[in-house]
Amino acid sequence: MAFVVIAAIALIIAAAGFIYFGVYNIAADDPHTRPVYSMLESLRDRSIAVHSQNIAAPANLSDPKRISSGAALYTEMCSGCHLGPGVERSEMSQGLYPQAPELAKTTDLSPAEQFWIIKHGVKLSAMPAWGKTHPDPLIWNMVAFVRKLPGMTPEQYKTLIASAPAEHDEMMKDMGGMKGMAMPAAPNGHD
C-alpha cells in the first residue's frame, strides 16, 4: 500500500514538473507526436459522438433556401479556414494546427455531429462556438450547406456563393435576441 501511495505522489510531482517547466511544446508550428495526436483525435471524436447523440436534425436540410442561407454564412464565417471547392489555402489556414478540415471533401460526420461542432466549437482547434452568437436555425442552415459541399464543383460553389443572401445582419434580424449580445443595464438607471 505504501508503494502505491509513494508511486502516486511521485507521478503527481513528475506531472506537475512536466507542466511547470513547459516540457511539452504547444507551438502550432511544432506538431504533436503521433501518440499525442491520436489520443487527442480519439478524445475529440468520442466527445462529439457522445454529446451529439440526442440531437435531431430537421427534415428540411435539402431546402434550397436553407442551403443558400448556409452558403452566405459559410462564406463569411468558415471559408477562411475550411476553404471551398477550388479555393486555395489562405495564409491563415496554413498557419492553423491542427489544420481545419476541408469540408468540400467527404465527411463521415452526421448532421447532428456537424451541428454540435458548429454550435459548441472544439477546444484547442481554433473552431469557435458559433452558438454563442447564432441561433440554432442559422446553425442548421450552415449544416445544410456543408453537407452539399462534398462533390460540388468549383463552378457550382461560386454560383451558389454568388446567389446567397448578402447580408449576414439581415439573416439575423428575425432571430430574436442573440445570447451574450445584450448590452448590460446601466448602473443606477443612467446611460
N, C-alpha and C. Protein backbone atom coordinates (compact mmCIF):
# COMPACT_ATOMS: atom_id res chain seq x y z
N MET A 1 0.82 -1.19 0.00
CA MET A 1 0.00 0.00 0.00
C MET A 1 0.87 1.26 0.00
N ALA A 2 1.92 1.25 0.80
CA ALA A 2 2.81 2.40 0.86
C ALA A 2 3.46 2.65 -0.50
N PHE A 3 3.77 1.57 -1.23
CA PHE A 3 4.36 1.71 -2.56
C PHE A 3 3.42 2.45 -3.50
N VAL A 4 2.14 2.11 -3.46
CA VAL A 4 1.14 2.75 -4.33
C VAL A 4 1.04 4.24 -4.01
N VAL A 5 1.01 4.58 -2.75
CA VAL A 5 0.92 5.98 -2.33
C VAL A 5 2.17 6.75 -2.79
N ILE A 6 3.34 6.17 -2.58
CA ILE A 6 4.59 6.82 -2.99
C ILE A 6 4.64 6.97 -4.51
N ALA A 7 4.22 5.93 -5.23
CA ALA A 7 4.21 5.99 -6.69
C ALA A 7 3.24 7.06 -7.18
N ALA A 8 2.07 7.17 -6.55
CA ALA A 8 1.08 8.18 -6.93
C ALA A 8 1.62 9.59 -6.68
N ILE A 9 2.26 9.79 -5.55
CA ILE A 9 2.84 11.10 -5.22
C ILE A 9 3.95 11.44 -6.21
N ALA A 10 4.79 10.47 -6.53
CA ALA A 10 5.88 10.68 -7.49
C ALA A 10 5.32 11.04 -8.87
N LEU A 11 4.24 10.36 -9.27
CA LEU A 11 3.61 10.64 -10.56
C LEU A 11 3.03 12.06 -10.59
N ILE A 12 2.39 12.46 -9.51
CA ILE A 12 1.83 13.81 -9.42
C ILE A 12 2.94 14.86 -9.48
N ILE A 13 4.03 14.63 -8.77
CA ILE A 13 5.17 15.57 -8.79
C ILE A 13 5.78 15.63 -10.19
N ALA A 14 5.94 14.48 -10.83
CA ALA A 14 6.50 14.45 -12.19
C ALA A 14 5.60 15.19 -13.17
N ALA A 15 4.28 14.97 -13.07
CA ALA A 15 3.33 15.65 -13.95
C ALA A 15 3.36 17.16 -13.71
N ALA A 16 3.41 17.56 -12.45
CA ALA A 16 3.47 18.99 -12.12
C ALA A 16 4.75 19.61 -12.69
N GLY A 17 5.87 18.92 -12.57
CA GLY A 17 7.13 19.41 -13.13
C GLY A 17 7.07 19.50 -14.64
N PHE A 18 6.49 18.50 -15.28
CA PHE A 18 6.33 18.48 -16.73
C PHE A 18 5.56 19.71 -17.19
N ILE A 19 4.49 20.04 -16.47
CA ILE A 19 3.67 21.20 -16.82
C ILE A 19 4.41 22.49 -16.47
N TYR A 20 4.91 22.60 -15.27
CA TYR A 20 5.53 23.83 -14.79
C TYR A 20 6.73 24.24 -15.64
N PHE A 21 7.57 23.29 -16.01
CA PHE A 21 8.77 23.61 -16.78
C PHE A 21 8.53 23.67 -18.28
N GLY A 22 7.27 23.55 -18.71
CA GLY A 22 6.93 23.71 -20.13
C GLY A 22 7.63 22.72 -21.03
N VAL A 23 7.77 21.50 -20.59
CA VAL A 23 8.48 20.47 -21.35
C VAL A 23 7.81 20.23 -22.70
N TYR A 24 6.47 20.20 -22.71
CA TYR A 24 5.77 19.91 -23.96
C TYR A 24 5.55 21.21 -24.73
N ASN A 25 6.06 21.27 -25.94
CA ASN A 25 5.94 22.47 -26.77
C ASN A 25 4.54 22.51 -27.39
N ILE A 26 3.77 23.55 -27.08
CA ILE A 26 2.41 23.65 -27.63
C ILE A 26 2.35 24.59 -28.84
N ALA A 27 3.49 24.99 -29.38
CA ALA A 27 3.51 25.87 -30.55
C ALA A 27 2.80 25.21 -31.73
N ALA A 28 2.02 26.00 -32.47
CA ALA A 28 1.27 25.48 -33.61
C ALA A 28 2.18 25.03 -34.74
N ASP A 29 3.42 25.49 -34.77
CA ASP A 29 4.33 25.06 -35.84
C ASP A 29 5.20 23.87 -35.43
N ASP A 30 4.89 23.27 -34.31
CA ASP A 30 5.58 22.05 -33.85
C ASP A 30 4.51 20.99 -33.61
N PRO A 31 4.23 20.15 -34.61
CA PRO A 31 3.13 19.18 -34.49
C PRO A 31 3.27 18.25 -33.30
N HIS A 32 2.11 17.78 -32.83
CA HIS A 32 2.09 16.79 -31.76
C HIS A 32 2.79 15.51 -32.21
N THR A 33 3.29 14.75 -31.26
CA THR A 33 3.81 13.42 -31.58
C THR A 33 2.61 12.57 -32.01
N ARG A 34 2.88 11.50 -32.74
CA ARG A 34 1.78 10.65 -33.22
C ARG A 34 0.92 10.11 -32.07
N PRO A 35 1.50 9.61 -30.97
CA PRO A 35 0.64 9.13 -29.87
C PRO A 35 -0.23 10.24 -29.27
N VAL A 36 0.32 11.44 -29.09
CA VAL A 36 -0.46 12.54 -28.53
C VAL A 36 -1.57 12.93 -29.50
N TYR A 37 -1.24 13.03 -30.80
CA TYR A 37 -2.25 13.39 -31.79
C TYR A 37 -3.37 12.35 -31.82
N SER A 38 -3.01 11.08 -31.79
CA SER A 38 -4.02 10.01 -31.81
C SER A 38 -4.92 10.08 -30.58
N MET A 39 -4.33 10.34 -29.42
CA MET A 39 -5.12 10.45 -28.20
C MET A 39 -6.09 11.63 -28.28
N LEU A 40 -5.61 12.79 -28.73
CA LEU A 40 -6.47 13.97 -28.84
C LEU A 40 -7.56 13.77 -29.88
N GLU A 41 -7.22 13.11 -30.99
CA GLU A 41 -8.19 12.83 -32.04
C GLU A 41 -9.30 11.91 -31.52
N SER A 42 -8.92 10.88 -30.78
CA SER A 42 -9.90 9.96 -30.19
C SER A 42 -10.77 10.69 -29.17
N LEU A 43 -10.16 11.52 -28.34
CA LEU A 43 -10.90 12.30 -27.35
C LEU A 43 -11.92 13.19 -28.05
N ARG A 44 -11.50 13.89 -29.09
CA ARG A 44 -12.40 14.78 -29.84
C ARG A 44 -13.54 13.99 -30.47
N ASP A 45 -13.21 12.92 -31.19
CA ASP A 45 -14.23 12.15 -31.90
C ASP A 45 -15.26 11.54 -30.96
N ARG A 46 -14.80 10.98 -29.85
CA ARG A 46 -15.73 10.36 -28.89
C ARG A 46 -16.59 11.42 -28.20
N SER A 47 -15.99 12.55 -27.86
CA SER A 47 -16.75 13.62 -27.22
C SER A 47 -17.86 14.12 -28.13
N ILE A 48 -17.53 14.35 -29.39
CA ILE A 48 -18.54 14.82 -30.35
C ILE A 48 -19.64 13.79 -30.52
N ALA A 49 -19.27 12.52 -30.68
CA ALA A 49 -20.27 11.46 -30.86
C ALA A 49 -21.22 11.37 -29.66
N VAL A 50 -20.67 11.40 -28.47
CA VAL A 50 -21.49 11.27 -27.26
C VAL A 50 -22.38 12.50 -27.05
N HIS A 51 -21.81 13.69 -27.20
CA HIS A 51 -22.59 14.90 -26.93
C HIS A 51 -23.62 15.22 -28.00
N SER A 52 -23.48 14.66 -29.19
CA SER A 52 -24.43 14.95 -30.27
C SER A 52 -25.49 13.86 -30.46
N GLN A 53 -25.41 12.80 -29.69
CA GLN A 53 -26.26 11.64 -29.96
C GLN A 53 -27.76 11.90 -29.80
N ASN A 54 -28.16 12.87 -29.02
CA ASN A 54 -29.59 13.13 -28.83
C ASN A 54 -30.10 14.33 -29.62
N ILE A 55 -29.31 14.80 -30.56
CA ILE A 55 -29.71 15.93 -31.40
C ILE A 55 -30.45 15.39 -32.62
N ALA A 56 -31.64 15.92 -32.86
CA ALA A 56 -32.44 15.51 -34.02
C ALA A 56 -32.31 16.57 -35.11
N ALA A 57 -31.88 16.15 -36.27
CA ALA A 57 -31.74 17.08 -37.40
C ALA A 57 -33.11 17.39 -37.99
N PRO A 58 -33.32 18.63 -38.43
CA PRO A 58 -34.58 18.94 -39.10
C PRO A 58 -34.68 18.18 -40.42
N ALA A 59 -35.90 17.95 -40.84
CA ALA A 59 -36.13 17.16 -42.07
C ALA A 59 -35.80 17.95 -43.33
N ASN A 60 -35.72 19.27 -43.25
CA ASN A 60 -35.59 20.08 -44.46
C ASN A 60 -34.16 20.56 -44.74
N LEU A 61 -33.17 19.74 -44.47
CA LEU A 61 -31.79 20.15 -44.75
C LEU A 61 -31.49 20.27 -46.24
N SER A 62 -32.38 19.76 -47.08
CA SER A 62 -32.20 19.88 -48.54
C SER A 62 -32.93 21.08 -49.12
N ASP A 63 -33.57 21.87 -48.29
CA ASP A 63 -34.31 23.05 -48.73
C ASP A 63 -33.34 24.07 -49.35
N PRO A 64 -33.56 24.46 -50.62
CA PRO A 64 -32.64 25.40 -51.28
C PRO A 64 -32.46 26.72 -50.53
N LYS A 65 -33.52 27.24 -49.89
CA LYS A 65 -33.38 28.49 -49.13
C LYS A 65 -32.46 28.30 -47.93
N ARG A 66 -32.59 27.16 -47.28
CA ARG A 66 -31.74 26.86 -46.13
C ARG A 66 -30.28 26.73 -46.59
N ILE A 67 -30.06 26.05 -47.70
CA ILE A 67 -28.70 25.86 -48.23
C ILE A 67 -28.10 27.20 -48.65
N SER A 68 -28.91 28.06 -49.29
CA SER A 68 -28.43 29.37 -49.72
C SER A 68 -28.04 30.24 -48.52
N SER A 69 -28.87 30.23 -47.49
CA SER A 69 -28.54 30.96 -46.27
C SER A 69 -27.25 30.42 -45.65
N GLY A 70 -27.12 29.10 -45.63
CA GLY A 70 -25.91 28.47 -45.10
C GLY A 70 -24.68 28.84 -45.91
N ALA A 71 -24.86 28.99 -47.23
CA ALA A 71 -23.74 29.38 -48.09
C ALA A 71 -23.24 30.77 -47.73
N ALA A 72 -24.17 31.68 -47.47
CA ALA A 72 -23.78 33.05 -47.10
C ALA A 72 -23.02 33.04 -45.77
N LEU A 73 -23.53 32.31 -44.81
CA LEU A 73 -22.87 32.23 -43.50
C LEU A 73 -21.50 31.58 -43.63
N TYR A 74 -21.42 30.50 -44.41
CA TYR A 74 -20.16 29.77 -44.60
C TYR A 74 -19.11 30.69 -45.22
N THR A 75 -19.51 31.44 -46.24
CA THR A 75 -18.57 32.33 -46.92
C THR A 75 -18.00 33.35 -45.94
N GLU A 76 -18.86 33.91 -45.11
CA GLU A 76 -18.43 34.95 -44.18
C GLU A 76 -17.64 34.40 -43.00
N MET A 77 -18.04 33.25 -42.48
CA MET A 77 -17.51 32.79 -41.20
C MET A 77 -16.59 31.58 -41.27
N CYS A 78 -16.65 30.79 -42.34
CA CYS A 78 -15.97 29.49 -42.34
C CYS A 78 -14.92 29.31 -43.43
N SER A 79 -15.13 29.96 -44.58
CA SER A 79 -14.31 29.66 -45.75
C SER A 79 -12.83 30.01 -45.59
N GLY A 80 -12.51 30.95 -44.71
CA GLY A 80 -11.11 31.32 -44.50
C GLY A 80 -10.28 30.16 -43.97
N CYS A 81 -10.90 29.29 -43.19
CA CYS A 81 -10.19 28.14 -42.62
C CYS A 81 -10.52 26.84 -43.36
N HIS A 82 -11.82 26.64 -43.65
CA HIS A 82 -12.26 25.36 -44.22
C HIS A 82 -12.29 25.35 -45.74
N LEU A 83 -12.06 26.51 -46.36
CA LEU A 83 -11.95 26.65 -47.80
C LEU A 83 -13.25 26.25 -48.50
N GLY A 84 -13.16 25.93 -49.77
CA GLY A 84 -14.30 25.51 -50.58
C GLY A 84 -13.75 24.89 -51.84
N PRO A 85 -14.61 24.30 -52.65
CA PRO A 85 -14.13 23.68 -53.89
C PRO A 85 -13.37 24.68 -54.76
N GLY A 86 -12.15 24.34 -55.10
CA GLY A 86 -11.33 25.20 -55.95
C GLY A 86 -10.67 26.37 -55.24
N VAL A 87 -10.85 26.49 -53.93
CA VAL A 87 -10.27 27.60 -53.18
C VAL A 87 -8.91 27.18 -52.62
N GLU A 88 -7.90 28.00 -52.86
CA GLU A 88 -6.55 27.72 -52.37
C GLU A 88 -6.45 28.03 -50.88
N ARG A 89 -5.54 27.36 -50.21
CA ARG A 89 -5.31 27.61 -48.78
C ARG A 89 -4.87 29.06 -48.57
N SER A 90 -5.44 29.68 -47.57
CA SER A 90 -5.09 31.06 -47.22
C SER A 90 -3.89 31.05 -46.27
N GLU A 91 -3.30 32.22 -46.06
CA GLU A 91 -2.20 32.32 -45.10
C GLU A 91 -2.67 31.87 -43.72
N MET A 92 -3.89 32.26 -43.35
CA MET A 92 -4.40 31.88 -42.04
C MET A 92 -4.60 30.37 -41.95
N SER A 93 -5.20 29.77 -42.96
CA SER A 93 -5.46 28.33 -42.88
C SER A 93 -4.16 27.53 -42.85
N GLN A 94 -3.12 28.03 -43.50
CA GLN A 94 -1.84 27.33 -43.49
C GLN A 94 -1.18 27.35 -42.12
N GLY A 95 -1.48 28.38 -41.32
CA GLY A 95 -0.87 28.51 -40.01
C GLY A 95 -1.60 27.79 -38.90
N LEU A 96 -2.75 27.20 -39.20
CA LEU A 96 -3.52 26.52 -38.16
C LEU A 96 -2.95 25.14 -37.86
N TYR A 97 -2.94 24.79 -36.59
CA TYR A 97 -2.61 23.42 -36.20
C TYR A 97 -3.46 23.07 -35.00
N PRO A 98 -4.23 22.03 -35.13
CA PRO A 98 -4.33 21.18 -36.30
C PRO A 98 -5.00 21.91 -37.46
N GLN A 99 -4.73 21.46 -38.66
CA GLN A 99 -5.33 22.05 -39.84
C GLN A 99 -6.85 21.88 -39.78
N ALA A 100 -7.57 22.90 -40.18
CA ALA A 100 -9.03 22.79 -40.25
C ALA A 100 -9.37 21.83 -41.39
N PRO A 101 -10.36 20.96 -41.19
CA PRO A 101 -10.71 20.04 -42.27
C PRO A 101 -11.28 20.80 -43.47
N GLU A 102 -10.92 20.35 -44.66
CA GLU A 102 -11.51 20.91 -45.87
C GLU A 102 -12.87 20.27 -46.04
N LEU A 103 -13.92 21.03 -45.81
CA LEU A 103 -15.27 20.48 -45.75
C LEU A 103 -15.83 20.09 -47.11
N ALA A 104 -15.14 20.45 -48.19
CA ALA A 104 -15.56 20.02 -49.52
C ALA A 104 -15.20 18.57 -49.77
N LYS A 105 -14.36 18.01 -48.91
CA LYS A 105 -14.01 16.60 -49.02
C LYS A 105 -15.03 15.79 -48.23
N THR A 106 -15.20 14.55 -48.60
CA THR A 106 -16.18 13.69 -47.97
C THR A 106 -15.97 13.63 -46.46
N THR A 107 -17.07 13.66 -45.73
CA THR A 107 -17.00 13.57 -44.28
C THR A 107 -17.89 12.42 -43.81
N ASP A 108 -17.52 11.82 -42.70
CA ASP A 108 -18.35 10.75 -42.16
C ASP A 108 -19.15 11.24 -40.96
N LEU A 109 -19.19 12.55 -40.76
CA LEU A 109 -19.95 13.10 -39.65
C LEU A 109 -21.44 13.16 -39.98
N SER A 110 -22.26 12.90 -38.99
CA SER A 110 -23.71 13.01 -39.16
C SER A 110 -24.11 14.48 -39.10
N PRO A 111 -25.33 14.82 -39.56
CA PRO A 111 -25.79 16.20 -39.40
C PRO A 111 -25.77 16.65 -37.94
N ALA A 112 -26.14 15.76 -37.02
CA ALA A 112 -26.14 16.11 -35.60
C ALA A 112 -24.73 16.43 -35.11
N GLU A 113 -23.74 15.65 -35.56
CA GLU A 113 -22.36 15.91 -35.16
C GLU A 113 -21.87 17.25 -35.74
N GLN A 114 -22.21 17.52 -37.00
CA GLN A 114 -21.82 18.79 -37.60
C GLN A 114 -22.46 19.97 -36.86
N PHE A 115 -23.74 19.82 -36.52
CA PHE A 115 -24.44 20.86 -35.77
C PHE A 115 -23.75 21.11 -34.43
N TRP A 116 -23.43 20.04 -33.72
CA TRP A 116 -22.81 20.18 -32.40
C TRP A 116 -21.46 20.89 -32.51
N ILE A 117 -20.67 20.52 -33.50
CA ILE A 117 -19.35 21.15 -33.69
C ILE A 117 -19.50 22.64 -33.97
N ILE A 118 -20.42 23.00 -34.88
CA ILE A 118 -20.61 24.41 -35.23
C ILE A 118 -21.14 25.19 -34.02
N LYS A 119 -22.08 24.61 -33.31
CA LYS A 119 -22.69 25.31 -32.18
C LYS A 119 -21.73 25.47 -31.00
N HIS A 120 -21.00 24.43 -30.67
CA HIS A 120 -20.18 24.43 -29.45
C HIS A 120 -18.69 24.64 -29.69
N GLY A 121 -18.22 24.52 -30.93
CA GLY A 121 -16.80 24.67 -31.21
C GLY A 121 -15.99 23.50 -30.70
N VAL A 122 -14.68 23.56 -30.91
CA VAL A 122 -13.78 22.49 -30.47
C VAL A 122 -12.57 23.15 -29.81
N LYS A 123 -12.35 22.82 -28.56
CA LYS A 123 -11.22 23.40 -27.81
C LYS A 123 -9.88 23.10 -28.49
N LEU A 124 -8.96 24.03 -28.38
CA LEU A 124 -7.59 23.89 -28.90
C LEU A 124 -7.53 23.58 -30.39
N SER A 125 -8.51 24.09 -31.15
CA SER A 125 -8.50 23.82 -32.59
C SER A 125 -8.78 25.07 -33.42
N ALA A 126 -9.04 26.19 -32.82
CA ALA A 126 -9.43 27.44 -33.48
C ALA A 126 -10.85 27.38 -34.02
N MET A 127 -11.61 26.30 -33.72
CA MET A 127 -13.01 26.22 -34.13
C MET A 127 -13.87 26.92 -33.08
N PRO A 128 -14.46 28.09 -33.46
CA PRO A 128 -15.25 28.83 -32.48
C PRO A 128 -16.60 28.19 -32.19
N ALA A 129 -17.20 28.59 -31.10
CA ALA A 129 -18.54 28.14 -30.73
C ALA A 129 -19.53 29.17 -31.28
N TRP A 130 -20.06 28.91 -32.48
CA TRP A 130 -20.96 29.87 -33.12
C TRP A 130 -22.31 29.95 -32.42
N GLY A 131 -22.63 28.98 -31.56
CA GLY A 131 -23.89 29.01 -30.83
C GLY A 131 -23.97 30.15 -29.83
N LYS A 132 -22.87 30.76 -29.50
CA LYS A 132 -22.89 31.91 -28.59
C LYS A 132 -23.47 33.14 -29.27
N THR A 133 -23.41 33.20 -30.59
CA THR A 133 -23.88 34.38 -31.32
C THR A 133 -24.92 34.07 -32.39
N HIS A 134 -25.12 32.80 -32.69
CA HIS A 134 -26.04 32.43 -33.76
C HIS A 134 -27.07 31.42 -33.25
N PRO A 135 -28.34 31.65 -33.54
CA PRO A 135 -29.38 30.73 -33.08
C PRO A 135 -29.36 29.42 -33.88
N ASP A 136 -29.98 28.42 -33.32
CA ASP A 136 -29.99 27.08 -33.92
C ASP A 136 -30.43 27.05 -35.38
N PRO A 137 -31.50 27.78 -35.79
CA PRO A 137 -31.90 27.70 -37.21
C PRO A 137 -30.77 28.10 -38.17
N LEU A 138 -29.99 29.11 -37.81
CA LEU A 138 -28.88 29.50 -38.70
C LEU A 138 -27.76 28.47 -38.68
N ILE A 139 -27.55 27.85 -37.55
CA ILE A 139 -26.54 26.79 -37.49
C ILE A 139 -26.97 25.62 -38.35
N TRP A 140 -28.26 25.27 -38.32
CA TRP A 140 -28.74 24.20 -39.20
C TRP A 140 -28.59 24.59 -40.67
N ASN A 141 -28.74 25.88 -40.99
CA ASN A 141 -28.51 26.33 -42.37
C ASN A 141 -27.07 26.07 -42.78
N MET A 142 -26.13 26.33 -41.86
CA MET A 142 -24.72 26.05 -42.17
C MET A 142 -24.51 24.55 -42.38
N VAL A 143 -25.15 23.73 -41.55
CA VAL A 143 -25.04 22.27 -41.71
C VAL A 143 -25.58 21.87 -43.08
N ALA A 144 -26.73 22.43 -43.47
CA ALA A 144 -27.33 22.09 -44.76
C ALA A 144 -26.36 22.39 -45.90
N PHE A 145 -25.69 23.55 -45.83
CA PHE A 145 -24.73 23.90 -46.87
C PHE A 145 -23.50 23.00 -46.84
N VAL A 146 -22.95 22.79 -45.66
CA VAL A 146 -21.74 21.97 -45.53
C VAL A 146 -21.97 20.56 -46.05
N ARG A 147 -23.18 20.04 -45.89
CA ARG A 147 -23.49 18.69 -46.37
C ARG A 147 -23.51 18.63 -47.89
N LYS A 148 -23.71 19.77 -48.55
CA LYS A 148 -23.72 19.83 -50.02
C LYS A 148 -22.32 20.03 -50.60
N LEU A 149 -21.37 20.47 -49.78
CA LEU A 149 -20.02 20.77 -50.28
C LEU A 149 -19.30 19.59 -50.94
N PRO A 150 -19.28 18.39 -50.33
CA PRO A 150 -18.57 17.29 -50.99
C PRO A 150 -19.17 17.00 -52.37
N GLY A 151 -18.33 16.94 -53.34
CA GLY A 151 -18.78 16.66 -54.70
C GLY A 151 -19.16 17.90 -55.48
N MET A 152 -19.22 19.06 -54.84
CA MET A 152 -19.57 20.30 -55.52
C MET A 152 -18.36 20.75 -56.35
N THR A 153 -18.60 21.15 -57.58
CA THR A 153 -17.51 21.64 -58.42
C THR A 153 -17.18 23.09 -58.03
N PRO A 154 -15.99 23.56 -58.39
CA PRO A 154 -15.67 24.97 -58.12
C PRO A 154 -16.69 25.93 -58.74
N GLU A 155 -17.18 25.59 -59.93
CA GLU A 155 -18.16 26.46 -60.60
C GLU A 155 -19.48 26.47 -59.83
N GLN A 156 -19.94 25.30 -59.38
CA GLN A 156 -21.18 25.24 -58.59
C GLN A 156 -21.02 26.02 -57.29
N TYR A 157 -19.87 25.90 -56.68
CA TYR A 157 -19.60 26.61 -55.43
C TYR A 157 -19.67 28.12 -55.66
N LYS A 158 -19.00 28.61 -56.69
CA LYS A 158 -19.00 30.04 -56.99
C LYS A 158 -20.41 30.54 -57.28
N THR A 159 -21.19 29.76 -58.03
CA THR A 159 -22.56 30.15 -58.36
C THR A 159 -23.42 30.23 -57.11
N LEU A 160 -23.33 29.24 -56.25
CA LEU A 160 -24.13 29.22 -55.03
C LEU A 160 -23.73 30.37 -54.10
N ILE A 161 -22.45 30.62 -53.97
CA ILE A 161 -21.99 31.71 -53.11
C ILE A 161 -22.47 33.05 -53.66
N ALA A 162 -22.40 33.22 -54.98
CA ALA A 162 -22.82 34.48 -55.61
C ALA A 162 -24.31 34.73 -55.44
N SER A 163 -25.12 33.67 -55.37
CA SER A 163 -26.57 33.83 -55.26
C SER A 163 -27.06 33.83 -53.82
N ALA A 164 -26.16 33.67 -52.88
CA ALA A 164 -26.54 33.61 -51.46
C ALA A 164 -26.91 35.00 -50.94
N PRO A 165 -27.73 35.05 -49.89
CA PRO A 165 -28.07 36.36 -49.30
C PRO A 165 -26.80 37.10 -48.91
N ALA A 166 -26.76 38.39 -49.22
CA ALA A 166 -25.54 39.17 -49.00
C ALA A 166 -25.38 39.66 -47.57
N GLU A 167 -26.45 39.84 -46.88
CA GLU A 167 -26.37 40.48 -45.57
C GLU A 167 -26.52 39.52 -44.41
N HIS A 168 -25.46 39.30 -43.71
CA HIS A 168 -25.48 38.48 -42.51
C HIS A 168 -26.45 39.08 -41.49
N ASP A 169 -26.39 40.39 -41.31
CA ASP A 169 -27.28 41.06 -40.35
C ASP A 169 -28.74 40.89 -40.73
N GLU A 170 -29.02 40.87 -42.02
CA GLU A 170 -30.40 40.67 -42.49
C GLU A 170 -30.92 39.31 -42.06
N MET A 171 -30.06 38.28 -42.15
CA MET A 171 -30.48 36.94 -41.72
C MET A 171 -30.70 36.89 -40.22
N MET A 172 -29.97 37.68 -39.49
CA MET A 172 -30.04 37.66 -38.03
C MET A 172 -31.23 38.43 -37.48
N LYS A 173 -31.83 39.35 -38.25
CA LYS A 173 -32.81 40.28 -37.70
C LYS A 173 -34.06 39.61 -37.14
N ASP A 174 -34.50 38.52 -37.73
CA ASP A 174 -35.72 37.85 -37.26
C ASP A 174 -35.44 36.74 -36.26
N MET A 175 -34.24 36.64 -35.80
CA MET A 175 -33.87 35.53 -34.93
C MET A 175 -34.02 35.85 -33.45
N GLY A 176 -34.54 37.01 -33.11
CA GLY A 176 -34.68 37.36 -31.70
C GLY A 176 -33.34 37.76 -31.13
N GLY A 177 -33.29 37.94 -29.84
CA GLY A 177 -32.04 38.34 -29.19
C GLY A 177 -30.98 37.26 -29.30
N MET A 178 -29.76 37.67 -29.53
CA MET A 178 -28.66 36.72 -29.58
C MET A 178 -28.09 36.59 -28.19
N LYS A 179 -27.90 35.37 -27.75
CA LYS A 179 -27.33 35.14 -26.43
C LYS A 179 -25.98 35.83 -26.32
N GLY A 180 -25.78 36.50 -25.22
CA GLY A 180 -24.48 37.12 -24.98
C GLY A 180 -24.28 38.44 -25.69
N MET A 181 -25.25 38.89 -26.47
CA MET A 181 -25.07 40.12 -27.23
C MET A 181 -25.82 41.31 -26.62
N ALA A 182 -26.58 41.10 -25.55
CA ALA A 182 -27.34 42.18 -24.94
C ALA A 182 -26.40 43.13 -24.21
N MET A 183 -26.72 44.40 -24.24
CA MET A 183 -25.94 45.39 -23.51
C MET A 183 -26.29 45.27 -22.03
N PRO A 184 -25.32 45.36 -21.15
CA PRO A 184 -25.63 45.32 -19.73
C PRO A 184 -26.42 46.56 -19.33
N ALA A 185 -27.25 46.42 -18.30
CA ALA A 185 -28.02 47.56 -17.81
C ALA A 185 -27.07 48.62 -17.25
N ALA A 186 -27.43 49.87 -17.47
CA ALA A 186 -26.61 50.96 -16.94
C ALA A 186 -26.79 51.03 -15.43
N PRO A 187 -25.71 51.29 -14.70
CA PRO A 187 -25.84 51.38 -13.24
C PRO A 187 -26.72 52.58 -12.86
N ASN A 188 -27.55 52.39 -11.86
CA ASN A 188 -28.43 53.44 -11.34
C ASN A 188 -29.34 54.03 -12.40
N GLY A 189 -29.64 53.26 -13.45
CA GLY A 189 -30.56 53.73 -14.47
C GLY A 189 -30.00 54.78 -15.40
N HIS A 190 -28.70 55.04 -15.37
CA HIS A 190 -28.09 56.04 -16.25
C HIS A 190 -27.37 55.36 -17.40
N ASP A 191 -27.26 56.08 -18.50
CA ASP A 191 -26.53 55.57 -19.66
C ASP A 191 -25.06 55.78 -19.51
